[in-house]
């Protein structure tokens, strides 16, 4: 199982709407609107890196109001 944090920038005033929409996507374990350089932080999981990529590109990035994403896979050192 691959886990990742997805850091999201949104259009002004859209953070709460984006977080709510993303929280309903299969593979997303949490989505919270935050302050700082990013507007929403998502925790996601997938069976493989390829599946994680498909989740981000096909499902998360298609949510209206998102301007940029940064995916940070979790590593176990």
Protein backbone atom coordinates (compact mmCIF):
# COMPACT_ATOMS: atom_id res chain seq x y z
CA UNK A 1 0.00 0.00 0.00
CA UNK A 2 1.29 3.47 -0.95
CA UNK A 3 0.32 6.46 1.20
CA UNK A 4 0.75 10.11 0.21
CA UNK A 5 -0.04 13.65 1.17
CA UNK A 6 -1.41 15.81 -1.62
CA UNK A 7 -0.89 19.54 -1.09
CA UNK A 8 -3.41 21.61 -3.01
CA UNK A 9 -3.67 25.25 -3.99
CA UNK A 10 -7.14 26.47 -4.89
CA UNK A 11 -8.83 29.49 -6.37
CA UNK A 12 -9.55 32.19 -3.79
CA UNK A 13 -12.46 31.21 -1.56
CA UNK A 14 -12.70 27.62 -2.83
CA UNK A 15 -10.72 25.69 -0.18
CA UNK A 16 -13.67 24.39 1.84
CA UNK A 17 -15.59 23.40 -1.31
CA UNK A 18 -12.55 21.58 -2.73
CA UNK A 19 -11.86 19.75 0.55
CA UNK A 20 -15.47 18.57 0.76
CA UNK A 21 -15.49 17.32 -2.84
CA UNK A 22 -12.16 15.51 -2.50
CA UNK A 23 -13.14 13.83 0.77
CA UNK A 24 -15.73 11.79 -1.18
CA UNK A 25 -13.16 10.31 -3.61
CA UNK A 26 -12.31 6.63 -3.11
CA UNK A 27 -8.71 6.35 -1.89
CA UNK A 28 -8.81 9.63 0.02
CA UNK A 29 -8.62 9.03 3.77
CA UNK A 30 -8.82 12.69 4.82
CA UNK A 31 -9.08 16.15 3.27
CA UNK A 32 -8.76 19.31 5.32
CA UNK A 33 -8.63 22.98 4.45
CA UNK A 34 -5.63 24.70 6.06
CA UNK A 35 -3.85 28.05 6.12
CA UNK A 36 -0.45 28.79 4.62
CA UNK A 37 0.98 28.33 1.13
CA UNK A 38 -1.44 25.45 0.48
CA UNK A 39 -5.20 25.58 0.94
CA UNK A 40 -6.08 21.88 1.29
CA UNK A 41 -4.03 18.91 2.51
CA UNK A 42 -5.21 15.44 1.53
CA UNK A 43 -4.09 12.06 2.84
CA UNK A 44 -4.55 9.32 0.22
CA UNK A 45 -3.74 5.66 -0.23
CA UNK A 46 -3.46 3.37 -3.24
CA UNK A 47 -2.25 -0.14 -4.05
CA UNK A 48 0.67 1.11 -6.16
CA UNK A 49 2.47 4.27 -7.26
CA UNK A 50 0.77 3.97 -10.66
CA UNK A 51 -2.64 3.77 -9.03
CA UNK A 52 -1.77 6.77 -6.86
CA UNK A 53 -0.83 8.70 -10.00
CA UNK A 54 -4.15 7.84 -11.61
CA UNK A 55 -5.99 8.90 -8.46
CA UNK A 56 -4.29 12.29 -8.44
CA UNK A 57 -4.43 13.04 -12.17
CA UNK A 58 -7.81 11.57 -13.08
CA UNK A 59 -9.83 12.23 -9.95
CA UNK A 60 -8.29 14.81 -7.62
CA UNK A 61 -7.08 17.26 -10.27
CA UNK A 62 -10.47 17.18 -11.97
CA UNK A 63 -12.16 18.81 -8.96
CA UNK A 64 -13.31 22.33 -9.83
CA UNK A 65 -11.36 25.11 -8.12
CA UNK A 66 -7.92 23.46 -7.95
CA UNK A 67 -5.04 25.44 -9.44
CA UNK A 68 -2.04 23.28 -8.43
CA UNK A 69 -1.19 20.03 -6.64
CA UNK A 70 1.97 18.60 -5.12
CA UNK A 71 2.00 14.88 -4.29
CA UNK A 72 4.30 13.73 -1.49
CA UNK A 73 4.50 9.93 -1.15
CA UNK A 74 5.20 8.66 2.36
CA UNK A 75 8.48 6.76 2.76
CA UNK A 76 9.36 4.44 5.61
CA UNK A 77 13.04 4.92 6.40
